[in-house]
Amino acid sequence: MKKSILLVEDEALLRRNITEMLNTINLWSVFEATDAVHALEIIDELKPDLVISDYKMPIMNGVDFLNNLRQKPAYINLPVVFLTAKMDISTEVTDNNVIILHKPFSFKALIENVKTIMEINKARE
């Protein structure tokens, strides 16, 4: 069974591009959420192995999203990759299961991080 990724991105074009890029690898099932609120509504149904999320979104930012996510016991250790243009979020995000990729990021860097996370998850099983 393929591992799954929940992509949380409010910009439609970027969300579509990332989804298409991840799908070309054909290793993961990719599901989309338009914002953090939407992601929290569907996450229990999807049970993803990884979340890739924009950091600055309307309604709920990355820190609030992460805090809400970590309140659910099933997602305390769920890996999250934040995509951000904000240069210094390390003081806001101190979670060990979070990787930060700065925009503009290369798709190669994103793929490498996803592969590494998925390999670590597989080793833990």
N, C-alpha and C. Protein backbone atom coordinates (compact mmCIF):
# COMPACT_ATOMS: atom_id res chain seq x y z
N MET A 1 0.83 -1.18 0.00
CA MET A 1 0.00 0.00 0.00
C MET A 1 0.88 1.25 0.00
N LYS A 2 0.53 2.21 -0.84
CA LYS A 2 1.31 3.44 -0.92
C LYS A 2 1.16 4.27 0.34
N LYS A 3 2.24 4.92 0.71
CA LYS A 3 2.20 5.90 1.79
C LYS A 3 1.44 7.12 1.27
N SER A 4 0.89 7.90 2.19
CA SER A 4 0.10 9.04 1.75
C SER A 4 0.64 10.35 2.31
N ILE A 5 0.39 11.39 1.54
CA ILE A 5 0.82 12.74 1.88
C ILE A 5 -0.41 13.64 1.83
N LEU A 6 -0.55 14.48 2.84
CA LEU A 6 -1.57 15.52 2.82
C LEU A 6 -0.86 16.83 2.52
N LEU A 7 -1.20 17.44 1.40
CA LEU A 7 -0.62 18.72 1.00
C LEU A 7 -1.61 19.83 1.36
N VAL A 8 -1.15 20.78 2.16
CA VAL A 8 -1.98 21.89 2.62
C VAL A 8 -1.39 23.18 2.04
N GLU A 9 -2.09 23.73 1.06
CA GLU A 9 -1.58 24.92 0.38
C GLU A 9 -2.76 25.74 -0.13
N ASP A 10 -2.81 27.02 0.24
CA ASP A 10 -3.92 27.86 -0.17
C ASP A 10 -3.79 28.41 -1.59
N GLU A 11 -2.60 28.45 -2.14
CA GLU A 11 -2.42 28.92 -3.51
C GLU A 11 -2.65 27.76 -4.48
N ALA A 12 -3.72 27.87 -5.27
CA ALA A 12 -4.17 26.77 -6.12
C ALA A 12 -3.10 26.31 -7.12
N LEU A 13 -2.42 27.24 -7.76
CA LEU A 13 -1.42 26.86 -8.76
C LEU A 13 -0.25 26.12 -8.13
N LEU A 14 0.24 26.62 -7.01
CA LEU A 14 1.35 25.95 -6.33
C LEU A 14 0.90 24.58 -5.82
N ARG A 15 -0.30 24.49 -5.28
CA ARG A 15 -0.83 23.21 -4.79
C ARG A 15 -0.89 22.20 -5.93
N ARG A 16 -1.40 22.63 -7.07
CA ARG A 16 -1.50 21.73 -8.23
C ARG A 16 -0.12 21.31 -8.72
N ASN A 17 0.83 22.26 -8.77
CA ASN A 17 2.19 21.93 -9.24
C ASN A 17 2.88 20.94 -8.31
N ILE A 18 2.76 21.16 -7.02
CA ILE A 18 3.39 20.23 -6.06
C ILE A 18 2.76 18.85 -6.16
N THR A 19 1.44 18.81 -6.24
CA THR A 19 0.74 17.52 -6.36
C THR A 19 1.19 16.78 -7.61
N GLU A 20 1.23 17.47 -8.74
CA GLU A 20 1.67 16.83 -9.99
C GLU A 20 3.09 16.33 -9.88
N MET A 21 3.96 17.13 -9.28
CA MET A 21 5.36 16.74 -9.13
C MET A 21 5.48 15.50 -8.25
N LEU A 22 4.77 15.48 -7.13
CA LEU A 22 4.83 14.31 -6.24
C LEU A 22 4.23 13.08 -6.92
N ASN A 23 3.19 13.28 -7.71
CA ASN A 23 2.56 12.15 -8.40
C ASN A 23 3.44 11.56 -9.49
N THR A 24 4.36 12.36 -10.07
CA THR A 24 5.24 11.81 -11.10
C THR A 24 6.19 10.77 -10.54
N ILE A 25 6.49 10.87 -9.26
CA ILE A 25 7.35 9.89 -8.60
C ILE A 25 6.63 8.55 -8.47
N ASN A 26 5.30 8.61 -8.33
CA ASN A 26 4.44 7.43 -8.25
C ASN A 26 4.76 6.52 -7.07
N LEU A 27 5.19 7.11 -5.97
CA LEU A 27 5.46 6.34 -4.76
C LEU A 27 4.43 6.61 -3.67
N TRP A 28 3.71 7.73 -3.79
CA TRP A 28 2.82 8.15 -2.72
C TRP A 28 1.46 8.53 -3.27
N SER A 29 0.46 8.43 -2.43
CA SER A 29 -0.86 8.98 -2.74
C SER A 29 -0.88 10.39 -2.15
N VAL A 30 -1.27 11.36 -2.95
CA VAL A 30 -1.26 12.75 -2.51
C VAL A 30 -2.70 13.26 -2.42
N PHE A 31 -3.03 13.80 -1.26
CA PHE A 31 -4.34 14.40 -1.03
C PHE A 31 -4.14 15.88 -0.77
N GLU A 32 -5.13 16.69 -1.12
CA GLU A 32 -4.99 18.13 -1.01
C GLU A 32 -5.99 18.73 -0.04
N ALA A 33 -5.53 19.77 0.65
CA ALA A 33 -6.40 20.61 1.47
C ALA A 33 -6.09 22.06 1.11
N THR A 34 -7.13 22.88 1.07
CA THR A 34 -6.96 24.27 0.64
C THR A 34 -6.46 25.18 1.75
N ASP A 35 -6.57 24.74 2.99
CA ASP A 35 -6.06 25.51 4.13
C ASP A 35 -5.98 24.60 5.34
N ALA A 36 -5.48 25.13 6.44
CA ALA A 36 -5.27 24.32 7.65
C ALA A 36 -6.58 23.83 8.25
N VAL A 37 -7.61 24.66 8.20
CA VAL A 37 -8.91 24.26 8.74
C VAL A 37 -9.43 23.05 7.96
N HIS A 38 -9.35 23.13 6.64
CA HIS A 38 -9.77 22.02 5.79
C HIS A 38 -8.94 20.77 6.10
N ALA A 39 -7.64 20.94 6.27
CA ALA A 39 -6.76 19.81 6.58
C ALA A 39 -7.18 19.12 7.87
N LEU A 40 -7.47 19.89 8.90
CA LEU A 40 -7.89 19.31 10.18
C LEU A 40 -9.23 18.60 10.06
N GLU A 41 -10.07 19.05 9.16
CA GLU A 41 -11.37 18.40 8.95
C GLU A 41 -11.24 17.04 8.29
N ILE A 42 -10.24 16.87 7.41
CA ILE A 42 -10.13 15.62 6.64
C ILE A 42 -9.02 14.69 7.10
N ILE A 43 -8.19 15.13 8.01
CA ILE A 43 -7.00 14.34 8.36
C ILE A 43 -7.35 12.98 8.98
N ASP A 44 -8.38 12.93 9.80
CA ASP A 44 -8.73 11.65 10.43
C ASP A 44 -9.21 10.63 9.40
N GLU A 45 -9.82 11.10 8.36
CA GLU A 45 -10.28 10.21 7.29
C GLU A 45 -9.10 9.71 6.46
N LEU A 46 -8.13 10.58 6.22
CA LEU A 46 -7.00 10.24 5.35
C LEU A 46 -5.88 9.51 6.07
N LYS A 47 -5.63 9.86 7.33
CA LYS A 47 -4.52 9.28 8.11
C LYS A 47 -3.20 9.29 7.32
N PRO A 48 -2.73 10.48 6.95
CA PRO A 48 -1.52 10.56 6.12
C PRO A 48 -0.26 10.17 6.90
N ASP A 49 0.75 9.81 6.14
CA ASP A 49 2.06 9.48 6.71
C ASP A 49 2.94 10.71 6.82
N LEU A 50 2.54 11.78 6.14
CA LEU A 50 3.31 13.01 6.10
C LEU A 50 2.37 14.16 5.73
N VAL A 51 2.63 15.34 6.30
CA VAL A 51 1.92 16.55 5.91
C VAL A 51 2.94 17.52 5.35
N ILE A 52 2.64 18.06 4.18
CA ILE A 52 3.41 19.16 3.60
C ILE A 52 2.47 20.35 3.64
N SER A 53 2.90 21.43 4.30
CA SER A 53 1.99 22.55 4.50
C SER A 53 2.67 23.89 4.28
N ASP A 54 1.92 24.77 3.66
CA ASP A 54 2.33 26.16 3.62
C ASP A 54 2.36 26.66 5.06
N TYR A 55 3.21 27.61 5.35
CA TYR A 55 3.30 28.13 6.71
C TYR A 55 2.37 29.32 6.92
N LYS A 56 2.31 30.20 5.94
CA LYS A 56 1.47 31.39 6.07
C LYS A 56 0.20 31.18 5.25
N MET A 57 -0.89 30.96 5.97
CA MET A 57 -2.18 30.72 5.32
C MET A 57 -3.24 31.58 6.00
N PRO A 58 -4.34 31.81 5.29
CA PRO A 58 -5.43 32.55 5.93
C PRO A 58 -6.08 31.70 7.03
N ILE A 59 -6.71 32.33 7.94
CA ILE A 59 -7.46 31.74 9.05
C ILE A 59 -6.55 31.14 10.11
N MET A 60 -5.68 30.22 9.72
CA MET A 60 -4.82 29.53 10.69
C MET A 60 -3.42 29.40 10.10
N ASN A 61 -2.41 29.93 10.80
CA ASN A 61 -1.04 29.82 10.30
C ASN A 61 -0.43 28.46 10.66
N GLY A 62 0.81 28.27 10.28
CA GLY A 62 1.48 26.99 10.50
C GLY A 62 1.61 26.59 11.96
N VAL A 63 1.94 27.53 12.82
CA VAL A 63 2.09 27.22 14.25
C VAL A 63 0.75 26.78 14.84
N ASP A 64 -0.31 27.51 14.53
CA ASP A 64 -1.63 27.13 15.03
C ASP A 64 -2.07 25.78 14.47
N PHE A 65 -1.79 25.55 13.20
CA PHE A 65 -2.11 24.27 12.58
C PHE A 65 -1.35 23.14 13.29
N LEU A 66 -0.06 23.34 13.49
CA LEU A 66 0.75 22.32 14.15
C LEU A 66 0.26 22.06 15.57
N ASN A 67 -0.06 23.11 16.31
CA ASN A 67 -0.57 22.94 17.67
C ASN A 67 -1.88 22.16 17.69
N ASN A 68 -2.77 22.45 16.75
CA ASN A 68 -4.03 21.70 16.65
C ASN A 68 -3.78 20.25 16.27
N LEU A 69 -2.86 20.04 15.37
CA LEU A 69 -2.52 18.70 14.92
C LEU A 69 -1.96 17.88 16.07
N ARG A 70 -1.05 18.46 16.85
CA ARG A 70 -0.40 17.74 17.94
C ARG A 70 -1.34 17.44 19.11
N GLN A 71 -2.49 18.08 19.16
CA GLN A 71 -3.48 17.78 20.20
C GLN A 71 -4.19 16.45 19.94
N LYS A 72 -4.08 15.95 18.73
CA LYS A 72 -4.69 14.67 18.38
C LYS A 72 -3.63 13.58 18.63
N PRO A 73 -3.90 12.64 19.53
CA PRO A 73 -2.90 11.62 19.87
C PRO A 73 -2.32 10.87 18.67
N ALA A 74 -3.11 10.65 17.65
CA ALA A 74 -2.62 9.90 16.49
C ALA A 74 -1.58 10.67 15.69
N TYR A 75 -1.49 11.99 15.92
CA TYR A 75 -0.60 12.82 15.10
C TYR A 75 0.48 13.54 15.89
N ILE A 76 0.74 13.05 17.09
CA ILE A 76 1.77 13.67 17.93
C ILE A 76 3.14 13.65 17.24
N ASN A 77 3.45 12.57 16.55
CA ASN A 77 4.76 12.43 15.90
C ASN A 77 4.69 12.47 14.37
N LEU A 78 3.56 12.87 13.83
CA LEU A 78 3.42 12.91 12.37
C LEU A 78 4.41 13.93 11.79
N PRO A 79 5.23 13.51 10.83
CA PRO A 79 6.17 14.45 10.22
C PRO A 79 5.45 15.53 9.42
N VAL A 80 5.96 16.75 9.52
CA VAL A 80 5.41 17.89 8.81
C VAL A 80 6.56 18.61 8.11
N VAL A 81 6.32 18.97 6.86
CA VAL A 81 7.25 19.82 6.12
C VAL A 81 6.53 21.14 5.90
N PHE A 82 7.11 22.22 6.43
CA PHE A 82 6.55 23.55 6.21
C PHE A 82 7.27 24.20 5.04
N LEU A 83 6.48 24.80 4.17
CA LEU A 83 6.99 25.59 3.05
C LEU A 83 6.76 27.05 3.41
N THR A 84 7.82 27.85 3.42
CA THR A 84 7.66 29.23 3.88
C THR A 84 8.61 30.19 3.19
N ALA A 85 8.14 31.40 3.02
CA ALA A 85 9.00 32.49 2.54
C ALA A 85 9.60 33.24 3.73
N LYS A 86 9.05 33.01 4.91
CA LYS A 86 9.53 33.67 6.12
C LYS A 86 10.89 33.07 6.49
N MET A 87 11.88 33.91 6.66
CA MET A 87 13.24 33.41 6.84
C MET A 87 13.51 32.77 8.19
N ASP A 88 13.01 33.33 9.26
CA ASP A 88 13.36 32.77 10.56
C ASP A 88 12.11 32.34 11.33
N ILE A 89 11.70 31.10 11.09
CA ILE A 89 10.57 30.57 11.87
C ILE A 89 11.05 29.56 12.90
N SER A 90 12.36 29.37 12.98
CA SER A 90 12.89 28.38 13.93
C SER A 90 12.55 28.73 15.37
N THR A 91 12.34 29.99 15.67
CA THR A 91 11.94 30.35 17.04
C THR A 91 10.47 30.06 17.28
N GLU A 92 9.69 30.00 16.21
CA GLU A 92 8.26 29.71 16.34
C GLU A 92 7.98 28.21 16.27
N VAL A 93 8.79 27.49 15.53
CA VAL A 93 8.59 26.05 15.33
C VAL A 93 9.77 25.31 15.93
N THR A 94 9.52 24.64 17.04
CA THR A 94 10.59 23.91 17.72
C THR A 94 10.32 22.40 17.76
N ASP A 95 9.37 21.95 17.00
CA ASP A 95 8.97 20.54 16.95
C ASP A 95 10.04 19.74 16.20
N ASN A 96 10.49 18.64 16.80
CA ASN A 96 11.52 17.81 16.18
C ASN A 96 11.06 17.08 14.94
N ASN A 97 9.75 16.97 14.74
CA ASN A 97 9.22 16.26 13.58
C ASN A 97 8.81 17.22 12.46
N VAL A 98 9.42 18.40 12.46
CA VAL A 98 9.11 19.41 11.44
C VAL A 98 10.39 19.76 10.67
N ILE A 99 10.25 19.78 9.36
CA ILE A 99 11.31 20.24 8.47
C ILE A 99 10.81 21.52 7.82
N ILE A 100 11.68 22.49 7.67
CA ILE A 100 11.30 23.77 7.07
C ILE A 100 12.04 23.92 5.74
N LEU A 101 11.28 24.13 4.67
CA LEU A 101 11.86 24.43 3.36
C LEU A 101 11.47 25.85 3.01
N HIS A 102 12.46 26.64 2.68
CA HIS A 102 12.22 28.05 2.36
C HIS A 102 11.88 28.22 0.88
N LYS A 103 10.88 29.06 0.64
CA LYS A 103 10.49 29.41 -0.73
C LYS A 103 11.44 30.48 -1.23
N PRO A 104 11.85 30.44 -2.46
CA PRO A 104 11.52 29.38 -3.41
C PRO A 104 12.38 28.15 -3.14
N PHE A 105 11.76 27.01 -3.13
CA PHE A 105 12.47 25.75 -2.90
C PHE A 105 12.53 24.99 -4.21
N SER A 106 13.49 24.10 -4.30
CA SER A 106 13.56 23.26 -5.50
C SER A 106 12.71 22.02 -5.28
N PHE A 107 12.10 21.56 -6.34
CA PHE A 107 11.31 20.33 -6.23
C PHE A 107 12.22 19.16 -5.84
N LYS A 108 13.47 19.22 -6.27
CA LYS A 108 14.43 18.17 -5.92
C LYS A 108 14.61 18.13 -4.40
N ALA A 109 14.74 19.29 -3.77
CA ALA A 109 14.90 19.34 -2.31
C ALA A 109 13.65 18.81 -1.61
N LEU A 110 12.48 19.15 -2.14
CA LEU A 110 11.25 18.65 -1.55
C LEU A 110 11.18 17.12 -1.67
N ILE A 111 11.46 16.61 -2.84
CA ILE A 111 11.42 15.15 -3.05
C ILE A 111 12.42 14.45 -2.15
N GLU A 112 13.63 14.97 -2.04
CA GLU A 112 14.65 14.35 -1.18
C GLU A 112 14.18 14.30 0.27
N ASN A 113 13.58 15.39 0.75
CA ASN A 113 13.07 15.41 2.12
C ASN A 113 11.94 14.42 2.31
N VAL A 114 11.04 14.35 1.35
CA VAL A 114 9.92 13.41 1.44
C VAL A 114 10.43 11.97 1.46
N LYS A 115 11.35 11.66 0.56
CA LYS A 115 11.91 10.30 0.53
C LYS A 115 12.59 9.94 1.84
N THR A 116 13.35 10.86 2.39
CA THR A 116 14.04 10.61 3.67
C THR A 116 13.03 10.36 4.78
N ILE A 117 12.02 11.19 4.86
CA ILE A 117 10.99 11.03 5.90
C ILE A 117 10.30 9.68 5.75
N MET A 118 9.94 9.32 4.54
CA MET A 118 9.24 8.05 4.31
C MET A 118 10.12 6.86 4.65
N GLU A 119 11.42 6.96 4.35
CA GLU A 119 12.35 5.88 4.72
C GLU A 119 12.47 5.74 6.23
N ILE A 120 12.54 6.85 6.93
CA ILE A 120 12.61 6.82 8.40
C ILE A 120 11.33 6.20 8.96
N ASN A 121 10.18 6.59 8.42
CA ASN A 121 8.91 6.03 8.87
C ASN A 121 8.86 4.53 8.65
N LYS A 122 9.36 4.08 7.49
CA LYS A 122 9.36 2.66 7.17
C LYS A 122 10.24 1.88 8.14
N ALA A 123 11.38 2.46 8.49
CA ALA A 123 12.29 1.81 9.43
C ALA A 123 11.68 1.69 10.83
N ARG A 124 10.80 2.62 11.18
CA ARG A 124 10.16 2.61 12.51
C ARG A 124 9.04 1.57 12.60
N GLU A 125 8.52 1.14 11.45
CA GLU A 125 7.40 0.19 11.46
C GLU A 125 7.80 -1.19 11.91
